Amino acid sequence: MSNHRAVDLFSEWAEKGRDVGMEKGHSKSVKKMISLAKDRISGHFSAIDVGCGNGWAVRELQSVSGCLSASGVDGSDTMISKAKLIHPQGDYFHGMLPKWIPEKPVDLVMSMEFMYYLKNPLDFLSSIHDAWLKKGGWLVFGVDHYRENPPSLGWPDSLKLELATLSESQWESGMVRAGFVEVQTLRFGKEDDWEGTLVVLGKKR
């Protein structure tokens, strides 16, 4: 991540075992995201998870029918070390985002609870479109911190981090400007005043 304070925070969370809580808290949203992508990808596919943490979503991807390969990248070397310890045969990369780029483009780029830690996340959408995805490939990501989700708006203060607080329409228009087509947004897991995970997906033409 370009936000080094966020990298330090996630390394601290990995050391304290909070990565396990991330998996429990976000598992339903990630499964929904994978399902949405799988409905749009015909045949076999390759995938990469951006901000993979301890690799739990990578392992979830690998269990999906048709997945030929799934890898993960994270700015926290502590998280990547943990991913490799849990899953020694896995393909995990320590890379500072948004500068890091995969050696080969893939059919699916996925990310959960990462995008808003970047200083300019909409610029990163263009990078994913141009350098990460094969023609016809899909990007799907989820964020819980967005303008329409009031309980999340205090996170920058509580985490003592600068977060990109964007609206649903800003994420959607950012995808279109980045070159994506068939762009869709939806909110998953809404309850009470919690608006749920904002899921955004789009296709590289």
N, C-alpha and C. Protein backbone atom coordinates (compact mmCIF):
# COMPACT_ATOMS: atom_id res chain seq x y z
N MET A 1 0.83 -1.19 0.00
CA MET A 1 0.00 0.00 0.00
C MET A 1 0.87 1.25 0.00
N SER A 2 0.35 2.31 -0.53
CA SER A 2 1.07 3.56 -0.46
C SER A 2 1.00 4.12 0.96
N ASN A 3 0.01 3.68 1.74
CA ASN A 3 -0.15 4.13 3.11
C ASN A 3 0.67 3.22 4.03
N HIS A 4 1.89 3.65 4.35
CA HIS A 4 2.78 2.80 5.15
C HIS A 4 2.23 2.59 6.56
N ARG A 5 1.48 3.56 7.07
CA ARG A 5 0.89 3.38 8.39
C ARG A 5 -0.13 2.24 8.38
N ALA A 6 -0.83 2.08 7.28
CA ALA A 6 -1.78 0.97 7.16
C ALA A 6 -1.05 -0.36 7.13
N VAL A 7 0.08 -0.41 6.42
CA VAL A 7 0.88 -1.64 6.38
C VAL A 7 1.34 -2.01 7.78
N ASP A 8 1.80 -1.02 8.52
CA ASP A 8 2.24 -1.27 9.89
C ASP A 8 1.08 -1.79 10.75
N LEU A 9 -0.09 -1.21 10.54
CA LEU A 9 -1.27 -1.62 11.31
C LEU A 9 -1.61 -3.08 11.03
N PHE A 10 -1.61 -3.46 9.75
CA PHE A 10 -1.95 -4.83 9.40
C PHE A 10 -0.90 -5.82 9.89
N SER A 11 0.35 -5.42 9.89
CA SER A 11 1.39 -6.28 10.43
C SER A 11 1.16 -6.50 11.93
N GLU A 12 0.76 -5.44 12.60
CA GLU A 12 0.45 -5.55 14.03
C GLU A 12 -0.73 -6.47 14.25
N TRP A 13 -1.77 -6.34 13.41
CA TRP A 13 -2.93 -7.21 13.53
C TRP A 13 -2.56 -8.67 13.29
N ALA A 14 -1.67 -8.92 12.32
CA ALA A 14 -1.25 -10.29 12.05
C ALA A 14 -0.55 -10.89 13.26
N GLU A 15 0.29 -10.08 13.90
CA GLU A 15 1.02 -10.54 15.08
C GLU A 15 0.08 -10.84 16.24
N LYS A 16 -1.04 -10.12 16.30
CA LYS A 16 -2.01 -10.31 17.37
C LYS A 16 -3.10 -11.32 17.02
N GLY A 17 -3.03 -11.89 15.80
CA GLY A 17 -4.01 -12.89 15.40
C GLY A 17 -5.32 -12.33 14.92
N ARG A 18 -5.37 -11.03 14.65
CA ARG A 18 -6.62 -10.43 14.22
C ARG A 18 -6.97 -10.78 12.77
N ASP A 19 -6.03 -11.36 12.04
CA ASP A 19 -6.31 -11.80 10.67
C ASP A 19 -7.38 -12.89 10.65
N VAL A 20 -7.44 -13.67 11.72
CA VAL A 20 -8.47 -14.72 11.81
C VAL A 20 -9.86 -14.08 11.88
N GLY A 21 -9.95 -12.98 12.60
CA GLY A 21 -11.22 -12.27 12.68
C GLY A 21 -11.64 -11.68 11.35
N MET A 22 -10.64 -11.27 10.55
CA MET A 22 -10.95 -10.74 9.22
C MET A 22 -11.65 -11.80 8.38
N GLU A 23 -11.13 -13.02 8.45
CA GLU A 23 -11.73 -14.12 7.68
C GLU A 23 -13.17 -14.36 8.14
N LYS A 24 -13.37 -14.44 9.43
CA LYS A 24 -14.72 -14.69 9.95
C LYS A 24 -15.67 -13.56 9.60
N GLY A 25 -15.18 -12.32 9.69
CA GLY A 25 -16.05 -11.18 9.46
C GLY A 25 -16.40 -10.93 8.01
N HIS A 26 -15.50 -11.33 7.11
CA HIS A 26 -15.70 -11.00 5.70
C HIS A 26 -15.99 -12.21 4.81
N SER A 27 -16.05 -13.39 5.40
CA SER A 27 -16.19 -14.61 4.60
C SER A 27 -17.45 -14.61 3.74
N LYS A 28 -18.58 -14.20 4.30
CA LYS A 28 -19.83 -14.22 3.54
C LYS A 28 -19.77 -13.26 2.35
N SER A 29 -19.18 -12.09 2.57
CA SER A 29 -19.06 -11.12 1.48
C SER A 29 -18.16 -11.63 0.38
N VAL A 30 -17.05 -12.25 0.76
CA VAL A 30 -16.11 -12.78 -0.24
C VAL A 30 -16.75 -13.91 -1.04
N LYS A 31 -17.47 -14.77 -0.37
CA LYS A 31 -18.15 -15.86 -1.09
C LYS A 31 -19.18 -15.30 -2.08
N LYS A 32 -19.86 -14.22 -1.68
CA LYS A 32 -20.81 -13.57 -2.58
C LYS A 32 -20.08 -12.99 -3.78
N MET A 33 -18.93 -12.35 -3.55
CA MET A 33 -18.16 -11.75 -4.63
C MET A 33 -17.66 -12.82 -5.59
N ILE A 34 -17.18 -13.92 -5.05
CA ILE A 34 -16.69 -15.01 -5.91
C ILE A 34 -17.83 -15.58 -6.75
N SER A 35 -19.00 -15.72 -6.12
CA SER A 35 -20.17 -16.24 -6.83
C SER A 35 -20.56 -15.32 -7.98
N LEU A 36 -20.56 -14.01 -7.73
CA LEU A 36 -20.90 -13.05 -8.78
C LEU A 36 -19.91 -13.13 -9.94
N ALA A 37 -18.63 -13.23 -9.61
CA ALA A 37 -17.61 -13.31 -10.66
C ALA A 37 -17.72 -14.62 -11.43
N LYS A 38 -17.94 -15.71 -10.70
CA LYS A 38 -18.01 -17.03 -11.34
C LYS A 38 -19.18 -17.09 -12.31
N ASP A 39 -20.26 -16.41 -12.01
CA ASP A 39 -21.42 -16.38 -12.90
C ASP A 39 -21.10 -15.69 -14.22
N ARG A 40 -20.04 -14.87 -14.22
CA ARG A 40 -19.70 -14.07 -15.39
C ARG A 40 -18.48 -14.59 -16.15
N ILE A 41 -17.79 -15.55 -15.57
CA ILE A 41 -16.60 -16.11 -16.21
C ILE A 41 -16.91 -17.53 -16.67
N SER A 42 -16.76 -17.76 -17.96
CA SER A 42 -17.04 -19.09 -18.49
C SER A 42 -15.75 -19.90 -18.54
N GLY A 43 -15.82 -21.13 -18.10
CA GLY A 43 -14.66 -22.01 -18.17
C GLY A 43 -13.66 -21.77 -17.05
N HIS A 44 -12.43 -22.18 -17.31
CA HIS A 44 -11.38 -22.07 -16.31
C HIS A 44 -10.89 -20.63 -16.18
N PHE A 45 -10.31 -20.32 -15.02
CA PHE A 45 -9.84 -18.95 -14.80
C PHE A 45 -8.67 -18.92 -13.83
N SER A 46 -7.89 -17.86 -13.97
CA SER A 46 -6.81 -17.57 -13.02
C SER A 46 -7.23 -16.34 -12.22
N ALA A 47 -6.72 -16.21 -10.99
CA ALA A 47 -7.17 -15.13 -10.13
C ALA A 47 -6.06 -14.64 -9.22
N ILE A 48 -6.21 -13.41 -8.76
CA ILE A 48 -5.31 -12.85 -7.76
C ILE A 48 -6.11 -12.01 -6.77
N ASP A 49 -5.77 -12.14 -5.50
CA ASP A 49 -6.44 -11.39 -4.44
C ASP A 49 -5.52 -10.25 -4.00
N VAL A 50 -6.04 -9.04 -4.06
CA VAL A 50 -5.27 -7.84 -3.71
C VAL A 50 -5.51 -7.49 -2.25
N GLY A 51 -4.42 -7.40 -1.47
CA GLY A 51 -4.56 -7.20 -0.04
C GLY A 51 -4.99 -8.49 0.62
N CYS A 52 -4.24 -9.57 0.34
CA CYS A 52 -4.69 -10.93 0.65
C CYS A 52 -4.57 -11.30 2.12
N GLY A 53 -3.86 -10.50 2.93
CA GLY A 53 -3.72 -10.86 4.33
C GLY A 53 -3.06 -12.22 4.50
N ASN A 54 -3.66 -13.08 5.30
CA ASN A 54 -3.07 -14.40 5.53
C ASN A 54 -3.44 -15.42 4.46
N GLY A 55 -4.06 -14.95 3.37
CA GLY A 55 -4.34 -15.82 2.23
C GLY A 55 -5.64 -16.57 2.28
N TRP A 56 -6.50 -16.25 3.23
CA TRP A 56 -7.73 -17.04 3.37
C TRP A 56 -8.63 -16.95 2.14
N ALA A 57 -8.72 -15.77 1.52
CA ALA A 57 -9.56 -15.64 0.33
C ALA A 57 -8.94 -16.33 -0.88
N VAL A 58 -7.61 -16.37 -0.92
CA VAL A 58 -6.92 -17.11 -1.99
C VAL A 58 -7.29 -18.59 -1.89
N ARG A 59 -7.27 -19.11 -0.68
CA ARG A 59 -7.62 -20.52 -0.48
C ARG A 59 -9.09 -20.77 -0.82
N GLU A 60 -9.93 -19.79 -0.55
CA GLU A 60 -11.34 -19.90 -0.93
C GLU A 60 -11.48 -19.95 -2.45
N LEU A 61 -10.73 -19.10 -3.14
CA LEU A 61 -10.76 -19.11 -4.61
C LEU A 61 -10.31 -20.44 -5.17
N GLN A 62 -9.26 -21.01 -4.58
CA GLN A 62 -8.71 -22.26 -5.10
C GLN A 62 -9.69 -23.42 -4.96
N SER A 63 -10.65 -23.28 -4.07
CA SER A 63 -11.63 -24.35 -3.87
C SER A 63 -12.78 -24.28 -4.87
N VAL A 64 -12.80 -23.20 -5.68
CA VAL A 64 -13.89 -22.99 -6.63
C VAL A 64 -13.65 -23.79 -7.90
N SER A 65 -14.69 -24.44 -8.38
CA SER A 65 -14.60 -25.21 -9.61
C SER A 65 -14.17 -24.30 -10.77
N GLY A 66 -13.18 -24.74 -11.53
CA GLY A 66 -12.72 -23.98 -12.69
C GLY A 66 -11.52 -23.10 -12.40
N CYS A 67 -11.14 -22.96 -11.13
CA CYS A 67 -9.99 -22.12 -10.79
C CYS A 67 -8.69 -22.87 -11.08
N LEU A 68 -7.94 -22.37 -12.05
CA LEU A 68 -6.67 -23.00 -12.41
C LEU A 68 -5.55 -22.57 -11.47
N SER A 69 -5.60 -21.31 -11.06
CA SER A 69 -4.58 -20.79 -10.14
C SER A 69 -5.12 -19.58 -9.43
N ALA A 70 -4.68 -19.37 -8.18
CA ALA A 70 -5.06 -18.20 -7.41
C ALA A 70 -3.86 -17.79 -6.58
N SER A 71 -3.53 -16.53 -6.62
CA SER A 71 -2.39 -16.03 -5.86
C SER A 71 -2.83 -14.81 -5.06
N GLY A 72 -1.95 -14.32 -4.19
CA GLY A 72 -2.28 -13.16 -3.38
C GLY A 72 -1.11 -12.23 -3.22
N VAL A 73 -1.40 -10.96 -3.02
CA VAL A 73 -0.35 -9.96 -2.79
C VAL A 73 -0.79 -9.08 -1.62
N ASP A 74 0.18 -8.70 -0.79
CA ASP A 74 -0.11 -7.85 0.34
C ASP A 74 1.12 -7.02 0.67
N GLY A 75 0.91 -5.81 1.18
CA GLY A 75 2.01 -4.93 1.54
C GLY A 75 2.66 -5.28 2.86
N SER A 76 1.99 -6.10 3.67
CA SER A 76 2.52 -6.50 4.97
C SER A 76 3.32 -7.79 4.85
N ASP A 77 4.61 -7.74 5.09
CA ASP A 77 5.42 -8.97 5.01
C ASP A 77 5.04 -9.93 6.12
N THR A 78 4.50 -9.41 7.22
CA THR A 78 4.05 -10.28 8.31
C THR A 78 2.85 -11.10 7.86
N MET A 79 1.92 -10.46 7.17
CA MET A 79 0.76 -11.18 6.64
C MET A 79 1.18 -12.23 5.62
N ILE A 80 2.10 -11.87 4.73
CA ILE A 80 2.55 -12.81 3.70
C ILE A 80 3.28 -13.99 4.34
N SER A 81 4.10 -13.73 5.34
CA SER A 81 4.78 -14.82 6.05
C SER A 81 3.76 -15.77 6.68
N LYS A 82 2.69 -15.19 7.22
CA LYS A 82 1.65 -16.01 7.83
C LYS A 82 0.91 -16.83 6.77
N ALA A 83 0.66 -16.22 5.61
CA ALA A 83 0.00 -16.94 4.52
C ALA A 83 0.83 -18.14 4.07
N LYS A 84 2.13 -17.93 3.94
CA LYS A 84 3.01 -19.01 3.50
C LYS A 84 3.14 -20.09 4.56
N LEU A 85 3.04 -19.71 5.83
CA LEU A 85 3.09 -20.69 6.91
C LEU A 85 1.85 -21.56 6.91
N ILE A 86 0.69 -20.93 6.71
CA ILE A 86 -0.58 -21.66 6.68
C ILE A 86 -0.68 -22.52 5.42
N HIS A 87 -0.18 -21.99 4.31
CA HIS A 87 -0.38 -22.60 2.99
C HIS A 87 0.95 -22.61 2.23
N PRO A 88 1.88 -23.50 2.62
CA PRO A 88 3.24 -23.48 2.06
C PRO A 88 3.30 -23.62 0.54
N GLN A 89 2.32 -24.32 -0.03
CA GLN A 89 2.33 -24.52 -1.48
C GLN A 89 1.65 -23.37 -2.23
N GLY A 90 1.18 -22.37 -1.50
CA GLY A 90 0.48 -21.25 -2.12
C GLY A 90 1.42 -20.27 -2.80
N ASP A 91 0.82 -19.37 -3.57
CA ASP A 91 1.56 -18.39 -4.36
C ASP A 91 1.26 -17.00 -3.80
N TYR A 92 2.14 -16.52 -2.90
CA TYR A 92 1.90 -15.26 -2.22
C TYR A 92 3.08 -14.31 -2.43
N PHE A 93 2.74 -13.03 -2.64
CA PHE A 93 3.77 -12.03 -2.95
C PHE A 93 3.71 -10.88 -1.96
N HIS A 94 4.87 -10.44 -1.51
CA HIS A 94 4.96 -9.22 -0.72
C HIS A 94 5.24 -8.09 -1.69
N GLY A 95 4.31 -7.15 -1.81
CA GLY A 95 4.48 -6.06 -2.76
C GLY A 95 3.77 -4.81 -2.29
N MET A 96 4.43 -3.68 -2.43
CA MET A 96 3.81 -2.41 -2.04
C MET A 96 2.87 -1.94 -3.15
N LEU A 97 1.64 -1.81 -2.79
CA LEU A 97 0.62 -1.40 -3.73
C LEU A 97 0.38 0.11 -3.58
N PRO A 98 0.09 0.80 -4.68
CA PRO A 98 -0.37 0.29 -5.98
C PRO A 98 0.73 0.06 -7.01
N LYS A 99 2.01 0.17 -6.65
CA LYS A 99 3.08 0.07 -7.65
C LYS A 99 3.30 -1.36 -8.14
N TRP A 100 3.08 -2.34 -7.26
CA TRP A 100 3.33 -3.73 -7.62
C TRP A 100 2.38 -4.17 -8.74
N ILE A 101 2.91 -4.93 -9.70
CA ILE A 101 2.10 -5.43 -10.82
C ILE A 101 2.43 -6.91 -11.02
N PRO A 102 1.46 -7.77 -11.26
CA PRO A 102 1.74 -9.19 -11.46
C PRO A 102 2.52 -9.44 -12.75
N GLU A 103 3.27 -10.51 -12.77
CA GLU A 103 4.06 -10.85 -13.96
C GLU A 103 3.17 -11.15 -15.16
N LYS A 104 2.03 -11.78 -14.90
CA LYS A 104 1.10 -12.13 -15.97
C LYS A 104 -0.30 -11.65 -15.62
N PRO A 105 -1.06 -11.17 -16.61
CA PRO A 105 -2.44 -10.78 -16.33
C PRO A 105 -3.30 -12.01 -16.04
N VAL A 106 -4.39 -11.80 -15.33
CA VAL A 106 -5.27 -12.89 -14.90
C VAL A 106 -6.69 -12.63 -15.37
N ASP A 107 -7.54 -13.63 -15.15
CA ASP A 107 -8.95 -13.53 -15.55
C ASP A 107 -9.80 -12.83 -14.50
N LEU A 108 -9.36 -12.88 -13.24
CA LEU A 108 -10.14 -12.31 -12.15
C LEU A 108 -9.22 -11.66 -11.13
N VAL A 109 -9.48 -10.39 -10.85
CA VAL A 109 -8.82 -9.70 -9.75
C VAL A 109 -9.88 -9.45 -8.69
N MET A 110 -9.58 -9.86 -7.46
CA MET A 110 -10.53 -9.71 -6.37
C MET A 110 -9.86 -8.98 -5.21
N SER A 111 -10.65 -8.23 -4.45
CA SER A 111 -10.11 -7.54 -3.29
C SER A 111 -11.23 -7.28 -2.29
N MET A 112 -10.92 -7.53 -1.02
CA MET A 112 -11.90 -7.28 0.03
C MET A 112 -11.29 -6.39 1.10
N GLU A 113 -11.93 -5.25 1.35
CA GLU A 113 -11.50 -4.33 2.41
C GLU A 113 -10.06 -3.87 2.26
N PHE A 114 -9.73 -3.43 1.04
CA PHE A 114 -8.38 -2.93 0.79
C PHE A 114 -8.38 -1.57 0.11
N MET A 115 -9.25 -1.38 -0.86
CA MET A 115 -9.15 -0.26 -1.78
C MET A 115 -9.06 1.11 -1.10
N TYR A 116 -9.81 1.31 -0.03
CA TYR A 116 -9.86 2.65 0.55
C TYR A 116 -8.63 2.99 1.39
N TYR A 117 -7.72 2.03 1.56
CA TYR A 117 -6.47 2.34 2.24
C TYR A 117 -5.47 3.04 1.31
N LEU A 118 -5.74 3.01 0.01
CA LEU A 118 -4.88 3.68 -0.95
C LEU A 118 -5.18 5.17 -0.99
N LYS A 119 -4.16 5.95 -1.29
CA LYS A 119 -4.34 7.40 -1.37
C LYS A 119 -5.20 7.77 -2.57
N ASN A 120 -4.98 7.09 -3.70
CA ASN A 120 -5.74 7.37 -4.93
C ASN A 120 -6.30 6.06 -5.49
N PRO A 121 -7.31 5.50 -4.83
CA PRO A 121 -7.81 4.19 -5.27
C PRO A 121 -8.40 4.17 -6.67
N LEU A 122 -8.95 5.29 -7.12
CA LEU A 122 -9.55 5.29 -8.47
C LEU A 122 -8.45 5.19 -9.54
N ASP A 123 -7.27 5.75 -9.26
CA ASP A 123 -6.14 5.57 -10.18
C ASP A 123 -5.73 4.10 -10.24
N PHE A 124 -5.82 3.42 -9.10
CA PHE A 124 -5.45 2.00 -9.05
C PHE A 124 -6.40 1.16 -9.90
N LEU A 125 -7.66 1.58 -10.01
CA LEU A 125 -8.60 0.86 -10.86
C LEU A 125 -8.11 0.85 -12.31
N SER A 126 -7.55 1.96 -12.75
CA SER A 126 -7.01 2.03 -14.11
C SER A 126 -5.83 1.09 -14.28
N SER A 127 -4.98 1.02 -13.26
CA SER A 127 -3.83 0.11 -13.31
C SER A 127 -4.29 -1.34 -13.40
N ILE A 128 -5.29 -1.70 -12.60
CA ILE A 128 -5.81 -3.07 -12.66
C ILE A 128 -6.36 -3.36 -14.05
N HIS A 129 -7.14 -2.42 -14.58
CA HIS A 129 -7.72 -2.61 -15.91
C HIS A 129 -6.64 -2.80 -16.97
N ASP A 130 -5.61 -1.97 -16.92
CA ASP A 130 -4.62 -1.97 -18.00
C ASP A 130 -3.55 -3.05 -17.84
N ALA A 131 -3.14 -3.33 -16.61
CA ALA A 131 -1.95 -4.17 -16.41
C ALA A 131 -2.20 -5.49 -15.69
N TRP A 132 -3.33 -5.63 -15.03
CA TRP A 132 -3.57 -6.83 -14.23
C TRP A 132 -4.48 -7.85 -14.92
N LEU A 133 -5.38 -7.36 -15.76
CA LEU A 133 -6.43 -8.22 -16.30
C LEU A 133 -6.22 -8.59 -17.76
N LYS A 134 -6.59 -9.82 -18.08
CA LYS A 134 -6.65 -10.25 -19.47
C LYS A 134 -7.88 -9.59 -20.12
N LYS A 135 -7.88 -9.56 -21.43
CA LYS A 135 -9.06 -9.10 -22.15
C LYS A 135 -10.25 -9.97 -21.77
N GLY A 136 -11.35 -9.34 -21.40
CA GLY A 136 -12.53 -10.08 -20.97
C GLY A 136 -12.50 -10.46 -19.51
N GLY A 137 -11.44 -10.07 -18.78
CA GLY A 137 -11.33 -10.40 -17.37
C GLY A 137 -12.19 -9.50 -16.50
N TRP A 138 -12.37 -9.90 -15.25
CA TRP A 138 -13.24 -9.19 -14.33
C TRP A 138 -12.51 -8.73 -13.08
N LEU A 139 -12.91 -7.57 -12.59
CA LEU A 139 -12.51 -7.07 -11.28
C LEU A 139 -13.74 -7.07 -10.39
N VAL A 140 -13.60 -7.62 -9.19
CA VAL A 140 -14.66 -7.52 -8.19
C VAL A 140 -14.01 -7.18 -6.86
N PHE A 141 -14.54 -6.16 -6.20
CA PHE A 141 -14.00 -5.82 -4.90
C PHE A 141 -15.11 -5.39 -3.96
N GLY A 142 -14.81 -5.49 -2.67
CA GLY A 142 -15.77 -5.11 -1.65
C GLY A 142 -15.16 -4.13 -0.66
N VAL A 143 -15.94 -3.16 -0.25
CA VAL A 143 -15.51 -2.19 0.77
C VAL A 143 -16.64 -2.01 1.78
N ASP A 144 -16.27 -1.96 3.04
CA ASP A 144 -17.26 -1.67 4.08
C ASP A 144 -17.23 -0.19 4.47
N HIS A 145 -16.14 0.49 4.14
CA HIS A 145 -16.03 1.92 4.42
C HIS A 145 -16.38 2.70 3.17
N TYR A 146 -17.55 3.28 3.16
CA TYR A 146 -17.99 4.13 2.05
C TYR A 146 -19.01 5.11 2.60
N ARG A 147 -19.25 6.16 1.84
CA ARG A 147 -19.98 7.32 2.37
C ARG A 147 -21.39 6.99 2.85
N GLU A 148 -22.06 6.04 2.19
CA GLU A 148 -23.44 5.73 2.56
C GLU A 148 -23.55 4.79 3.76
N ASN A 149 -22.42 4.37 4.31
CA ASN A 149 -22.43 3.43 5.44
C ASN A 149 -22.00 4.17 6.72
N PRO A 150 -22.94 4.83 7.42
CA PRO A 150 -22.60 5.71 8.54
C PRO A 150 -21.68 5.11 9.61
N PRO A 151 -21.88 3.84 10.03
CA PRO A 151 -21.01 3.33 11.09
C PRO A 151 -19.53 3.29 10.71
N SER A 152 -19.25 3.31 9.42
CA SER A 152 -17.85 3.22 8.97
C SER A 152 -17.16 4.58 8.90
N LEU A 153 -17.92 5.65 9.01
CA LEU A 153 -17.35 6.97 8.76
C LEU A 153 -16.40 7.45 9.87
N GLY A 154 -16.47 6.81 11.01
CA GLY A 154 -15.56 7.17 12.10
C GLY A 154 -14.25 6.40 12.08
N TRP A 155 -14.10 5.47 11.13
CA TRP A 155 -12.90 4.63 11.09
C TRP A 155 -11.60 5.41 10.91
N PRO A 156 -11.55 6.44 10.06
CA PRO A 156 -10.28 7.19 9.94
C PRO A 156 -9.78 7.70 11.28
N ASP A 157 -10.70 8.19 12.12
CA ASP A 157 -10.30 8.70 13.43
C ASP A 157 -9.91 7.57 14.37
N SER A 158 -10.72 6.50 14.38
CA SER A 158 -10.44 5.41 15.32
C SER A 158 -9.17 4.65 14.95
N LEU A 159 -8.89 4.54 13.64
CA LEU A 159 -7.68 3.84 13.19
C LEU A 159 -6.48 4.77 13.10
N LYS A 160 -6.78 6.09 13.16
CA LYS A 160 -5.73 7.10 13.02
C LYS A 160 -5.01 6.95 11.66
N LEU A 161 -5.84 6.78 10.63
CA LEU A 161 -5.34 6.61 9.27
C LEU A 161 -6.14 7.50 8.32
N GLU A 162 -5.50 7.89 7.22
CA GLU A 162 -6.22 8.56 6.16
C GLU A 162 -6.86 7.50 5.26
N LEU A 163 -8.17 7.52 5.17
CA LEU A 163 -8.88 6.56 4.33
C LEU A 163 -9.61 7.32 3.22
N ALA A 164 -9.71 6.69 2.05
CA ALA A 164 -10.45 7.29 0.94
C ALA A 164 -11.93 7.01 1.15
N THR A 165 -12.67 8.04 1.53
CA THR A 165 -14.09 7.89 1.82
C THR A 165 -14.89 8.30 0.59
N LEU A 166 -15.24 7.31 -0.21
CA LEU A 166 -15.94 7.57 -1.47
C LEU A 166 -17.38 7.07 -1.40
N SER A 167 -18.22 7.63 -2.25
CA SER A 167 -19.61 7.20 -2.32
C SER A 167 -19.74 6.05 -3.32
N GLU A 168 -20.87 5.40 -3.26
CA GLU A 168 -21.15 4.31 -4.21
C GLU A 168 -21.05 4.81 -5.64
N SER A 169 -21.61 5.98 -5.91
CA SER A 169 -21.58 6.52 -7.27
C SER A 169 -20.15 6.89 -7.70
N GLN A 170 -19.31 7.31 -6.76
CA GLN A 170 -17.92 7.63 -7.10
C GLN A 170 -17.15 6.37 -7.48
N TRP A 171 -17.38 5.29 -6.74
CA TRP A 171 -16.74 4.03 -7.11
C TRP A 171 -17.21 3.57 -8.50
N GLU A 172 -18.51 3.69 -8.73
CA GLU A 172 -19.07 3.25 -10.01
C GLU A 172 -18.52 4.08 -11.17
N SER A 173 -18.52 5.39 -11.03
CA SER A 173 -18.02 6.25 -12.11
C SER A 173 -16.51 6.07 -12.28
N GLY A 174 -15.80 5.79 -11.18
CA GLY A 174 -14.37 5.53 -11.27
C GLY A 174 -14.07 4.28 -12.09
N MET A 175 -14.90 3.27 -11.94
CA MET A 175 -14.74 2.05 -12.73
C MET A 175 -14.95 2.35 -14.22
N VAL A 176 -15.96 3.13 -14.52
CA VAL A 176 -16.25 3.48 -15.92
C VAL A 176 -15.10 4.28 -16.52
N ARG A 177 -14.59 5.25 -15.77
CA ARG A 177 -13.46 6.06 -16.26
C ARG A 177 -12.21 5.22 -16.46
N ALA A 178 -12.06 4.17 -15.67
CA ALA A 178 -10.90 3.30 -15.79
C ALA A 178 -10.98 2.40 -17.02
N GLY A 179 -12.16 2.36 -17.65
CA GLY A 179 -12.31 1.56 -18.86
C GLY A 179 -13.17 0.33 -18.72
N PHE A 180 -13.69 0.09 -17.52
CA PHE A 180 -14.50 -1.11 -17.31
C PHE A 180 -15.89 -0.95 -17.92
N VAL A 181 -16.43 -2.07 -18.36
CA VAL A 181 -17.80 -2.11 -18.89
C VAL A 181 -18.61 -3.08 -18.02
N GLU A 182 -19.92 -3.08 -18.24
CA GLU A 182 -20.83 -3.93 -17.45
C GLU A 182 -20.60 -3.73 -15.95
N VAL A 183 -20.38 -2.47 -15.59
CA VAL A 183 -20.12 -2.13 -14.19
C VAL A 183 -21.40 -2.26 -13.37
N GLN A 184 -21.26 -2.85 -12.20
CA GLN A 184 -22.42 -3.05 -11.32
C GLN A 184 -21.99 -2.80 -9.88
N THR A 185 -22.87 -2.25 -9.08
CA THR A 185 -22.64 -2.12 -7.64
C THR A 185 -23.84 -2.71 -6.90
N LEU A 186 -23.57 -3.26 -5.74
CA LEU A 186 -24.65 -3.76 -4.89
C LEU A 186 -24.17 -3.77 -3.44
N ARG A 187 -25.13 -3.76 -2.53
CA ARG A 187 -24.79 -3.81 -1.11
C ARG A 187 -25.23 -5.16 -0.56
N PHE A 188 -24.28 -5.82 0.12
CA PHE A 188 -24.54 -7.18 0.59
C PHE A 188 -24.41 -7.25 2.11
N GLY A 189 -25.39 -7.85 2.76
CA GLY A 189 -25.32 -8.05 4.20
C GLY A 189 -25.85 -6.90 5.02
N LYS A 190 -26.80 -6.15 4.47
CA LYS A 190 -27.35 -5.00 5.19
C LYS A 190 -28.17 -5.46 6.39
N GLU A 191 -27.96 -4.77 7.53
CA GLU A 191 -28.79 -5.02 8.71
C GLU A 191 -28.77 -3.78 9.62
N ASP A 192 -29.94 -3.43 10.11
CA ASP A 192 -30.10 -2.25 10.95
C ASP A 192 -29.49 -1.02 10.27
N ASP A 193 -28.57 -0.30 10.95
CA ASP A 193 -27.99 0.89 10.33
C ASP A 193 -26.72 0.57 9.54
N TRP A 194 -26.34 -0.70 9.50
CA TRP A 194 -25.18 -1.13 8.72
C TRP A 194 -25.62 -1.38 7.28
N GLU A 195 -25.05 -0.64 6.33
CA GLU A 195 -25.49 -0.73 4.94
C GLU A 195 -24.90 -1.92 4.20
N GLY A 196 -24.03 -2.66 4.86
CA GLY A 196 -23.46 -3.86 4.25
C GLY A 196 -22.20 -3.57 3.46
N THR A 197 -21.63 -4.63 2.92
CA THR A 197 -20.46 -4.50 2.05
C THR A 197 -20.88 -3.95 0.69
N LEU A 198 -20.22 -2.91 0.26
CA LEU A 198 -20.45 -2.39 -1.09
C LEU A 198 -19.59 -3.22 -2.04
N VAL A 199 -20.24 -3.96 -2.91
CA VAL A 199 -19.55 -4.80 -3.88
C VAL A 199 -19.59 -4.10 -5.24
N VAL A 200 -18.44 -4.00 -5.86
CA VAL A 200 -18.31 -3.34 -7.16
C VAL A 200 -17.64 -4.31 -8.14
N LEU A 201 -18.18 -4.45 -9.32
CA LEU A 201 -17.57 -5.32 -10.30
C LEU A 201 -17.69 -4.76 -11.70
N GLY A 202 -16.73 -5.14 -12.54
CA GLY A 202 -16.72 -4.66 -13.91
C GLY A 202 -15.80 -5.52 -14.77
N LYS A 203 -15.97 -5.40 -16.08
CA LYS A 203 -15.27 -6.24 -17.05
C LYS A 203 -14.34 -5.42 -17.92
N LYS A 204 -13.17 -5.98 -18.22
CA LYS A 204 -12.29 -5.38 -19.20
C LYS A 204 -12.75 -5.81 -20.58
N ARG A 205 -13.07 -4.86 -21.41
CA ARG A 205 -13.64 -5.17 -22.72
C ARG A 205 -12.68 -6.01 -23.57
